[in-house]
């Protein structure tokens, strides 16, 4: 009570100023001074203690304890866009310009999409999940649809499988181009930003022609896709592949050998394979350490076991490895897309199951039964047998998984998304420890976080 009174008196004495630190505090999520933090928590924050599946414990020197606390300061970085790639807040303890501890603070974009998904039918669900990772919306729709189909026990027609794979790889190219653009901007290359957006525009135009929208498509749905590929799609895709592949050489020439770029990236934000595995990192963050874990190869889904491609890995786990890895993953995705164009089968683009699939649009004008069927599918949805499932796919950022529980109704009883951006952010304190605050933005960028799926 005395504290409240003192604050009130102080505020009046200082012209009505309030103690905003209390009003804006994130509580336990914030980075506290070392004297108010337990030794074990401090060691976790600096990445000294990591549990390995085999039972070993990594225990590196704690540089935070080597610097007296009265010689350091705790600062906020963010939330600001685009430097922190969304509304991500970092609290850092600094010794001059050296980062001793880092703590990501999230929750500023919380949308409740998982709880929302439990109030939507399976038919409506893709419109919700597509907005999580808004740089790779088709991947979100894919993992959701695969989970629903696993519960339904339906088998997709071959064309639906290959159409999904085509769109997934084009989406991977689009996402990596966006990363190359924004990462270039983060380290001062406005030319790379312009190049990346220029090539990505071709892919967005193709998505718009195919799905009707540039983003948040709701095109991959349980049972297949919303429509077939448009006429001339193969010519459009061939032009995209030829253009992107040629322009990758320009990116390579612009950045890879550029002395300033290499200084900003090589040896910065390093993480070991053991640390990445202990932190459950996936995608380019894990593969940059030399671990060849890619769900398309390690646990094949769709028709990835029928196409030839290489899993790109790094060596040092630094920002430069993650740059080079994504650049070369674009080349591998182009290789996959060209194989998909050659092998694309004819046939249906969705299952012909009246309990899951609405009737053809033309039938609605001719048949009252078709109209009723269409109405019931889109208002009541279809019922899914009771059970639970976890389905994972390889998104541009790593393993995205959908855990779903059905109680036999037309809505999920429970739904949880394993978002790679959320999990990979755990590696930031390890990557940034001992580095310079000037390298913080480049290291954040190297993880490629999308806050829409972190705060889903």
Protein backbone atom coordinates (compact mmCIF):
# COMPACT_ATOMS: atom_id res chain seq x y z
CA UNK A 1 0.00 0.00 0.00
CA UNK A 2 2.88 2.31 0.84
CA UNK A 3 4.40 1.68 -2.59
CA UNK A 4 1.19 2.79 -4.30
CA UNK A 5 1.01 5.92 -2.18
CA UNK A 6 4.64 6.77 -2.85
CA UNK A 7 4.13 6.36 -6.59
CA UNK A 8 1.08 8.61 -6.46
CA UNK A 9 2.90 11.31 -4.51
CA UNK A 10 5.90 11.05 -6.80
CA UNK A 11 3.72 11.36 -9.88
CA UNK A 12 2.06 14.53 -8.58
CA UNK A 13 5.42 15.98 -7.54
CA UNK A 14 6.85 15.39 -11.01
CA UNK A 15 3.98 16.96 -12.88
CA UNK A 16 1.79 13.87 -13.24
CA UNK A 17 4.36 11.49 -14.71
CA UNK A 18 3.60 7.80 -14.11
CA UNK A 19 5.83 4.78 -13.61
CA UNK A 20 5.41 3.34 -17.10
CA UNK A 21 7.83 0.48 -16.39
CA UNK A 22 5.12 -1.23 -14.34
CA UNK A 23 2.40 -0.65 -16.90
CA UNK A 24 4.49 -2.07 -19.76
CA UNK A 25 6.15 -4.94 -17.90
CA UNK A 26 5.96 -8.42 -19.40
CA UNK A 27 6.68 -10.01 -16.03
CA UNK A 28 8.68 -13.23 -15.97
CA UNK A 29 9.17 -13.11 -19.73
CA UNK A 30 11.46 -10.08 -19.38
CA UNK A 31 15.21 -10.21 -18.90
CA UNK A 32 15.98 -9.39 -15.26
CA UNK A 33 19.27 -8.33 -13.73
CA UNK A 34 21.57 -11.20 -12.79
CA UNK A 35 21.26 -10.50 -9.07
CA UNK A 36 17.49 -11.11 -9.35
CA UNK A 37 17.89 -14.22 -11.52
CA UNK A 38 18.80 -17.69 -10.30
CA UNK A 39 22.15 -19.10 -11.39
CA UNK A 40 20.48 -21.90 -13.36
CA UNK A 41 18.24 -19.44 -15.20
CA UNK A 42 21.19 -17.21 -16.10
CA UNK A 43 23.08 -20.18 -17.47
CA UNK A 44 20.08 -21.19 -19.55
CA UNK A 45 19.71 -17.65 -20.90
CA UNK A 46 23.28 -17.57 -22.15
CA UNK A 47 22.95 -21.07 -23.62
CA UNK A 48 25.45 -22.71 -21.29
CA UNK A 49 23.14 -25.56 -20.26
CA UNK A 50 21.46 -27.55 -23.00
CA UNK A 51 20.01 -31.01 -22.53
CA UNK A 52 21.02 -33.45 -25.24
CA UNK A 53 18.73 -36.45 -26.05
CA UNK A 54 21.53 -38.88 -25.17
CA UNK A 55 21.68 -37.42 -21.67
CA UNK A 56 24.88 -35.37 -21.94
CA UNK A 57 24.91 -31.74 -20.85
CA UNK A 58 26.68 -28.99 -22.76
CA UNK A 59 28.36 -26.69 -20.27
CA UNK A 60 30.38 -23.89 -21.83
CA UNK A 61 32.02 -20.98 -20.03
CA UNK A 62 29.56 -18.41 -18.74
CA UNK A 63 30.85 -15.12 -20.11
CA UNK A 64 28.03 -13.28 -18.34
CA UNK A 65 29.62 -14.11 -14.98
CA UNK A 66 33.00 -12.76 -16.06
CA UNK A 67 31.73 -9.16 -16.31
CA UNK A 68 30.64 -7.33 -13.12
CA UNK A 69 26.98 -6.42 -13.34
CA UNK A 70 27.62 -2.77 -12.53
CA UNK A 71 29.56 -2.54 -15.80
CA UNK A 72 26.72 -3.83 -17.99
CA UNK A 73 23.35 -2.52 -19.07
CA UNK A 74 20.09 -4.13 -20.18
CA UNK A 75 18.49 -2.59 -23.25
CA UNK A 76 15.40 -3.19 -25.37
CA UNK A 77 15.54 -3.85 -29.07
CA UNK A 78 12.15 -3.74 -30.70
CA UNK A 79 9.41 -4.50 -31.25
CA UNK A 80 9.91 -2.72 -34.54
CA UNK A 81 9.37 -3.65 -38.14
CA UNK A 82 11.24 -4.55 -40.32
CA UNK A 83 14.46 -4.76 -38.27
CA UNK A 84 13.11 -7.46 -35.96
CA UNK A 85 11.06 -9.06 -38.76
CA UNK A 86 7.80 -8.29 -37.05
CA UNK A 87 6.77 -7.44 -33.52
CA UNK A 88 9.64 -9.29 -31.82
CA UNK A 89 11.19 -7.69 -28.75
CA UNK A 90 14.70 -8.58 -27.64
CA UNK A 91 16.12 -7.71 -24.24
CA UNK A 92 19.91 -7.77 -24.21
CA UNK A 93 22.51 -7.39 -21.49
CA UNK A 94 25.50 -5.59 -22.98
CA UNK A 95 29.10 -5.12 -21.96
CA UNK A 96 29.84 -2.12 -24.14
CA UNK A 97 28.90 -3.43 -27.60
CA UNK A 98 29.23 -7.11 -26.68
CA UNK A 99 26.05 -9.13 -26.10
CA UNK A 100 26.21 -11.18 -22.90
CA UNK A 101 22.59 -12.35 -22.58
CA UNK A 102 19.59 -12.20 -24.85
CA UNK A 103 15.94 -12.96 -24.19
CA UNK A 104 13.27 -12.90 -26.92
CA UNK A 105 9.96 -11.47 -25.67
CA UNK A 106 6.93 -12.43 -27.75
CA UNK A 107 3.18 -12.09 -27.57
CA UNK A 108 2.58 -8.69 -29.17
CA UNK A 109 0.77 -10.23 -32.17
CA UNK A 110 -1.19 -12.95 -30.37
CA UNK A 111 -4.11 -13.94 -32.60
CA UNK A 112 -5.42 -17.14 -31.00
CA UNK A 113 -5.55 -18.97 -34.33
CA UNK A 114 -5.42 -22.44 -32.73
CA UNK A 115 -8.42 -21.70 -30.52
CA UNK A 116 -10.17 -20.07 -33.46
CA UNK A 117 -9.52 -23.25 -35.45
CA UNK A 118 -11.45 -25.25 -32.87
CA UNK A 119 -14.52 -23.11 -33.59
CA UNK A 120 -14.32 -23.51 -37.38
CA UNK A 121 -15.38 -26.55 -39.39
CA UNK A 122 -12.74 -28.57 -41.23
CA UNK A 123 -13.98 -26.95 -44.44
CA UNK A 124 -13.36 -23.48 -43.02
CA UNK A 125 -10.09 -24.34 -41.29
CA UNK A 126 -7.75 -23.60 -44.20
CA UNK A 127 -8.92 -19.96 -44.25
CA UNK A 128 -7.57 -19.65 -40.70
CA UNK A 129 -4.21 -21.45 -40.79
CA UNK A 130 -3.18 -19.86 -44.09
CA UNK A 131 -2.69 -16.58 -42.20
CA UNK A 132 -0.10 -17.88 -39.72
CA UNK A 133 3.07 -17.96 -41.81
CA UNK A 134 1.93 -15.36 -44.30
CA UNK A 135 5.12 -15.76 -46.36
CA UNK A 136 4.33 -19.44 -46.92
CA UNK A 137 0.54 -19.71 -46.66
CA UNK A 138 0.21 -22.75 -48.93
CA UNK A 139 2.47 -24.75 -46.59
CA UNK A 140 0.13 -23.97 -43.68
CA UNK A 141 -2.85 -25.13 -45.72
CA UNK A 142 -0.98 -28.29 -46.73
CA UNK A 143 -0.13 -29.46 -43.20
CA UNK A 144 -3.68 -28.75 -42.00
CA UNK A 145 -5.22 -30.62 -44.94
CA UNK A 146 -2.89 -33.62 -44.54
CA UNK A 147 -3.85 -33.90 -40.87
CA UNK A 148 -7.57 -33.82 -41.68
CA UNK A 149 -7.12 -36.38 -44.47
CA UNK A 150 -5.20 -38.69 -42.13
CA UNK A 151 -8.17 -38.66 -39.75
CA UNK A 152 -10.61 -39.16 -42.64
CA UNK A 153 -8.52 -41.98 -44.11
CA UNK A 154 -8.99 -40.69 -47.67
CA UNK A 155 -6.52 -41.26 -50.48
CA UNK A 156 -5.90 -38.34 -52.81
CA UNK A 157 -5.90 -38.68 -56.60
CA UNK A 158 -2.34 -38.53 -58.02
CA UNK A 159 -2.91 -35.17 -59.72
CA UNK A 160 -3.95 -33.55 -56.44
CA UNK A 161 -0.72 -34.79 -54.84
CA UNK A 162 1.49 -33.42 -57.59
CA UNK A 163 -0.37 -30.09 -57.79
CA UNK A 164 0.21 -29.65 -54.06
CA UNK A 165 3.89 -30.46 -54.47
CA UNK A 166 4.22 -27.97 -57.34
CA UNK A 167 2.66 -25.19 -55.27
CA UNK A 168 4.69 -26.08 -52.18
CA UNK A 169 8.00 -25.80 -54.01
CA UNK A 170 7.01 -22.59 -55.78
CA UNK A 171 6.06 -21.28 -52.34
CA UNK A 172 9.49 -22.28 -50.99
CA UNK A 173 11.16 -20.34 -53.82
CA UNK A 174 8.93 -17.33 -53.11
CA UNK A 175 9.70 -17.43 -49.37
CA UNK A 176 13.45 -17.76 -49.86
CA UNK A 177 13.43 -14.89 -52.37
CA UNK A 178 11.67 -12.79 -49.77
CA UNK A 179 14.35 -13.76 -47.24
CA UNK A 180 17.17 -12.91 -49.64
CA UNK A 181 15.54 -9.51 -50.19
CA UNK A 182 14.99 -8.67 -46.52
CA UNK A 183 18.33 -10.10 -45.39
CA UNK A 184 20.03 -7.97 -48.02
CA UNK A 185 18.23 -4.94 -46.65
CA UNK A 186 19.20 -5.88 -43.08
CA UNK A 187 22.90 -5.81 -43.96
CA UNK A 188 22.65 -2.72 -46.15
CA UNK A 189 22.14 -4.08 -49.68
CA UNK A 190 19.18 -2.24 -51.15
CA UNK A 191 20.01 -3.77 -54.55
CA UNK A 192 19.36 -7.27 -53.21
CA UNK A 193 16.06 -6.09 -51.76
CA UNK A 194 14.95 -4.83 -55.18
CA UNK A 195 16.15 -8.01 -56.93
CA UNK A 196 14.37 -10.32 -54.46
CA UNK A 197 11.05 -8.52 -54.67
CA UNK A 198 11.31 -8.36 -58.47
CA UNK A 199 11.58 -12.15 -58.85
CA UNK A 200 9.04 -12.89 -56.11
CA UNK A 201 6.50 -10.80 -58.00
CA UNK A 202 6.51 -13.40 -60.80
CA UNK A 203 5.55 -16.12 -58.35
CA UNK A 204 2.83 -14.03 -56.71
CA UNK A 205 1.36 -13.34 -60.15
CA UNK A 206 1.27 -17.08 -60.84
CA UNK A 207 -0.37 -17.76 -57.47
CA UNK A 208 -2.97 -15.11 -58.23
CA UNK A 209 -3.68 -16.69 -61.62
CA UNK A 210 -4.00 -20.15 -60.01
CA UNK A 211 -5.76 -19.45 -56.71
CA UNK A 212 -7.28 -16.02 -57.24
CA UNK A 213 -5.14 -14.44 -54.52
CA UNK A 214 -1.51 -13.40 -54.07
CA UNK A 215 -1.45 -14.50 -50.41
CA UNK A 216 -3.70 -16.38 -47.93
CA UNK A 217 -5.04 -18.53 -50.72
CA UNK A 218 -7.35 -21.13 -49.14
CA UNK A 219 -6.51 -23.24 -52.20
CA UNK A 220 -5.14 -26.45 -50.66
CA UNK A 221 -8.13 -27.91 -48.83
CA UNK A 222 -8.98 -31.25 -47.19
CA UNK A 223 -9.63 -33.61 -50.09
CA UNK A 224 -7.41 -31.94 -52.66
CA UNK A 225 -7.36 -28.41 -54.05
CA UNK A 226 -10.05 -25.80 -54.68
CA UNK A 227 -9.58 -25.96 -58.45
CA UNK A 228 -7.36 -27.38 -61.16
CA UNK A 229 -4.32 -25.60 -62.53
CA UNK A 230 -5.14 -22.87 -65.07
CA UNK A 231 -4.54 -23.25 -68.77
CA UNK A 232 -0.94 -22.63 -69.80
CA UNK A 233 0.34 -23.24 -66.27
CA UNK A 234 3.28 -25.32 -67.47
CA UNK A 235 4.56 -22.51 -69.72
CA UNK A 236 4.23 -20.01 -66.87
CA UNK A 237 6.15 -22.28 -64.50
CA UNK A 238 8.90 -22.90 -67.06
CA UNK A 239 9.40 -19.13 -67.49
CA UNK A 240 9.57 -18.71 -63.70
CA UNK A 241 12.16 -21.47 -63.37
CA UNK A 242 14.34 -20.15 -66.21
CA UNK A 243 14.20 -16.58 -64.89
CA UNK A 244 14.86 -17.40 -61.25
CA UNK A 245 17.72 -19.75 -62.07
CA UNK A 246 19.41 -17.12 -64.25
CA UNK A 247 18.93 -14.39 -61.63
CA UNK A 248 20.41 -16.56 -58.86
CA UNK A 249 23.74 -16.05 -60.60
CA UNK A 250 23.27 -12.30 -60.19
CA UNK A 251 22.57 -12.73 -56.46
CA UNK A 252 25.66 -14.91 -56.15
CA UNK A 253 27.83 -12.34 -57.88
CA UNK A 254 26.33 -9.46 -55.88
CA UNK A 255 26.68 -10.95 -52.41
CA UNK A 256 28.72 -14.15 -52.08
CA UNK A 257 32.12 -12.68 -52.79
CA UNK A 258 31.36 -9.17 -51.56
CA UNK A 259 33.90 -8.34 -48.80
CA UNK A 260 31.55 -6.24 -46.65
CA UNK A 261 28.77 -8.84 -46.87
CA UNK A 262 31.14 -11.64 -45.89
CA UNK A 263 32.45 -9.61 -42.94
CA UNK A 264 28.89 -9.15 -41.71
CA UNK A 265 27.98 -12.83 -42.12
CA UNK A 266 30.99 -15.14 -41.73
CA UNK A 267 31.56 -16.37 -38.18
CA UNK A 268 28.57 -14.34 -36.93
CA UNK A 269 25.62 -16.00 -35.18
CA UNK A 270 27.30 -19.40 -35.01
CA UNK A 271 25.59 -22.42 -33.47
CA UNK A 272 26.79 -26.02 -33.26
CA UNK A 273 24.89 -29.10 -34.39
CA UNK A 274 24.59 -30.31 -30.78
CA UNK A 275 23.13 -26.99 -29.66
CA UNK A 276 20.71 -26.82 -32.58
CA UNK A 277 19.46 -30.37 -31.91
CA UNK A 278 19.13 -29.69 -28.18
CA UNK A 279 17.05 -26.61 -28.95
CA UNK A 280 14.82 -28.55 -31.41
CA UNK A 281 15.82 -26.25 -34.27
CA UNK A 282 14.83 -27.40 -37.75
CA UNK A 283 15.06 -26.17 -41.32
CA UNK A 284 17.96 -23.99 -42.50
CA UNK A 285 19.01 -23.27 -38.90
CA UNK A 286 19.66 -26.97 -38.25
CA UNK A 287 20.97 -27.82 -41.72
CA UNK A 288 23.46 -24.94 -41.55
CA UNK A 289 25.28 -26.91 -38.81
CA UNK A 290 25.77 -29.91 -41.13
CA UNK A 291 22.77 -32.02 -40.05
CA UNK A 292 20.97 -33.25 -43.23
CA UNK A 293 17.47 -33.26 -41.70
CA UNK A 294 14.81 -32.41 -44.27
CA UNK A 295 11.35 -33.98 -43.93
CA UNK A 296 11.02 -34.18 -47.71
CA UNK A 297 13.88 -36.69 -47.66
CA UNK A 298 13.90 -37.98 -44.05
CA UNK A 299 10.13 -38.62 -43.79
CA UNK A 300 8.79 -38.26 -47.36
CA UNK A 301 5.22 -37.05 -47.90
CA UNK A 302 3.27 -36.24 -51.06
CA UNK A 303 5.50 -37.59 -53.88
CA UNK A 304 8.91 -36.34 -52.75
CA UNK A 305 10.26 -39.88 -52.87
CA UNK A 306 9.66 -39.81 -56.66
CA UNK A 307 11.76 -36.74 -57.44
CA UNK A 308 15.50 -36.17 -57.35
CA UNK A 309 16.97 -33.35 -55.27
CA UNK A 310 19.83 -32.71 -52.86
CA UNK A 311 19.56 -31.73 -49.19
CA UNK A 312 21.83 -28.71 -48.79
CA UNK A 313 23.84 -28.48 -45.55
CA UNK A 314 26.35 -26.04 -44.11
CA UNK A 315 29.48 -26.49 -42.01
CA UNK A 316 29.87 -23.71 -39.45
CA UNK A 317 26.26 -22.90 -38.55
CA UNK A 318 26.83 -19.16 -39.01
CA UNK A 319 24.85 -16.47 -40.82
CA UNK A 320 26.80 -17.00 -44.04
CA UNK A 321 26.00 -20.73 -44.06
CA UNK A 322 22.31 -19.95 -43.65
CA UNK A 323 22.52 -17.47 -46.54
CA UNK A 324 24.34 -19.89 -48.85
CA UNK A 325 22.00 -22.71 -47.87
CA UNK A 326 18.84 -20.82 -48.79
CA UNK A 327 20.37 -19.59 -52.03
CA UNK A 328 21.12 -23.16 -53.07
CA UNK A 329 17.77 -24.49 -51.80
CA UNK A 330 16.14 -22.25 -54.40
CA UNK A 331 18.16 -24.09 -57.06
CA UNK A 332 17.01 -27.46 -55.68
CA UNK A 333 13.37 -26.31 -55.61
CA UNK A 334 13.66 -25.25 -59.25
CA UNK A 335 14.98 -28.74 -59.99
CA UNK A 336 11.97 -30.30 -58.21
CA UNK A 337 9.48 -28.01 -59.96
CA UNK A 338 10.81 -28.97 -63.38
CA UNK A 339 10.42 -32.66 -62.54
CA UNK A 340 6.86 -32.02 -61.34
CA UNK A 341 6.02 -30.31 -64.65
CA UNK A 342 7.31 -33.37 -66.54
CA UNK A 343 5.55 -35.94 -64.34
CA UNK A 344 2.24 -34.14 -63.67
CA UNK A 345 -0.50 -36.77 -64.14
CA UNK A 346 -3.97 -36.19 -65.54
CA UNK A 347 -7.15 -36.82 -63.59
CA UNK A 348 -9.09 -35.32 -60.70
CA UNK A 349 -7.66 -32.54 -58.56
CA UNK A 350 -9.72 -33.63 -55.52
CA UNK A 351 -11.30 -36.80 -54.13
CA UNK A 352 -14.69 -37.73 -55.52
CA UNK A 353 -16.26 -38.44 -52.13
CA UNK A 354 -19.62 -36.74 -51.72
CA UNK A 355 -19.18 -36.61 -47.95
CA UNK A 356 -16.03 -34.50 -48.31
CA UNK A 357 -16.15 -32.84 -51.73
CA UNK A 358 -18.79 -30.32 -52.87
CA UNK A 359 -20.45 -30.97 -56.23
CA UNK A 360 -19.14 -29.32 -59.43
CA UNK A 361 -20.30 -25.73 -59.79
CA UNK A 362 -22.20 -26.46 -63.01
CA UNK A 363 -24.28 -29.15 -61.26
CA UNK A 364 -25.65 -26.67 -58.73
CA UNK A 365 -27.70 -24.93 -61.45
CA UNK A 366 -29.12 -28.24 -62.68
CA UNK A 367 -29.86 -30.30 -59.58
CA UNK A 368 -31.66 -29.52 -56.32
CA UNK A 369 -29.78 -32.40 -54.65
CA UNK A 370 -26.46 -30.86 -55.72
CA UNK A 371 -27.54 -27.47 -54.34
CA UNK A 372 -28.50 -29.02 -50.98
CA UNK A 373 -25.25 -30.99 -50.90
CA UNK A 374 -23.22 -27.83 -51.60
CA UNK A 375 -25.14 -25.88 -48.93
CA UNK A 376 -24.62 -28.52 -46.24
CA UNK A 377 -20.89 -28.93 -46.97
CA UNK A 378 -20.21 -25.21 -46.59
CA UNK A 379 -22.55 -24.53 -43.67
CA UNK A 380 -22.35 -27.66 -41.53
CA UNK A 381 -19.10 -29.14 -42.84
CA UNK A 382 -18.33 -32.86 -42.86
CA UNK A 383 -17.85 -35.09 -39.84
CA UNK A 384 -14.42 -36.57 -39.16
CA UNK A 385 -14.00 -39.89 -37.29
CA UNK A 386 -12.80 -39.56 -33.70
CA UNK A 387 -9.06 -39.85 -33.23
CA UNK A 388 -5.84 -37.88 -33.04
CA UNK A 389 -3.00 -37.30 -35.46
CA UNK A 390 0.24 -35.37 -35.87
CA UNK A 391 1.28 -34.48 -39.40
CA UNK A 392 4.45 -32.57 -40.28
CA UNK A 393 5.86 -31.10 -43.49
CA UNK A 394 9.00 -29.14 -44.38
CA UNK A 395 8.20 -25.45 -44.57
CA UNK A 396 10.78 -22.90 -45.76
CA UNK A 397 11.53 -22.25 -42.07
CA UNK A 398 11.65 -25.87 -40.84
CA UNK A 399 9.27 -28.50 -39.52
CA UNK A 400 5.70 -27.26 -39.31
CA UNK A 401 3.40 -29.76 -37.66
CA UNK A 402 -0.32 -30.00 -37.00
CA UNK A 403 -1.57 -31.96 -34.01
CA UNK A 404 -5.29 -32.49 -34.26
CA UNK A 405 -7.86 -34.27 -32.10
CA UNK A 406 -11.30 -35.13 -33.47
CA UNK A 407 -14.32 -36.01 -31.35
CA UNK A 408 -16.34 -37.15 -34.34
CA UNK A 409 -17.95 -33.77 -35.04
CA UNK A 410 -17.40 -31.35 -37.90
CA UNK A 411 -14.92 -29.24 -35.91
CA UNK A 412 -11.54 -30.14 -34.37
CA UNK A 413 -11.80 -30.82 -30.65
CA UNK A 414 -8.20 -29.63 -30.25
CA UNK A 415 -5.66 -28.22 -32.69
CA UNK A 416 -2.06 -27.22 -32.12
CA UNK A 417 0.48 -26.03 -34.66
CA UNK A 418 4.17 -26.76 -34.17
CA UNK A 419 5.52 -23.55 -35.71
CA UNK A 420 9.18 -23.59 -36.79
CA UNK A 421 9.68 -19.83 -36.25
CA UNK A 422 8.53 -20.18 -32.63
CA UNK A 423 10.89 -23.06 -31.90
CA UNK A 424 13.85 -21.64 -33.83
CA UNK A 425 13.72 -18.37 -31.86
CA UNK A 426 15.06 -20.35 -28.89
CA UNK A 427 18.42 -20.45 -30.64
CA UNK A 428 18.82 -16.65 -30.68
CA UNK A 429 20.46 -16.37 -27.20
CA UNK A 430 23.02 -19.01 -28.20
CA UNK A 431 23.73 -17.38 -31.57
CA UNK A 432 24.07 -13.85 -30.18
CA UNK A 433 26.11 -14.56 -27.04
CA UNK A 434 29.53 -12.96 -27.32
CA UNK A 435 28.69 -11.15 -30.54
CA UNK A 436 28.22 -7.46 -31.23
CA UNK A 437 24.93 -5.63 -30.87
CA UNK A 438 25.50 -4.37 -34.44
CA UNK A 439 25.15 -7.98 -35.64
CA UNK A 440 21.84 -8.58 -33.86
CA UNK A 441 19.62 -7.66 -36.83
CA UNK A 442 21.60 -9.86 -39.23
CA UNK A 443 21.37 -12.81 -36.81
CA UNK A 444 17.63 -12.37 -36.30
CA UNK A 445 17.26 -12.24 -40.08
CA UNK A 446 19.24 -15.48 -40.50
CA UNK A 447 16.56 -17.38 -38.55
CA UNK A 448 13.88 -16.00 -40.92
CA UNK A 449 11.15 -15.73 -38.26
CA UNK A 450 7.57 -14.90 -39.18
CA UNK A 451 5.82 -13.52 -36.13
CA UNK A 452 2.41 -14.50 -37.46
CA UNK A 453 3.22 -18.14 -36.72
CA UNK A 454 5.16 -17.37 -33.53
CA UNK A 455 2.18 -15.61 -31.92
CA UNK A 456 -0.42 -17.75 -33.65
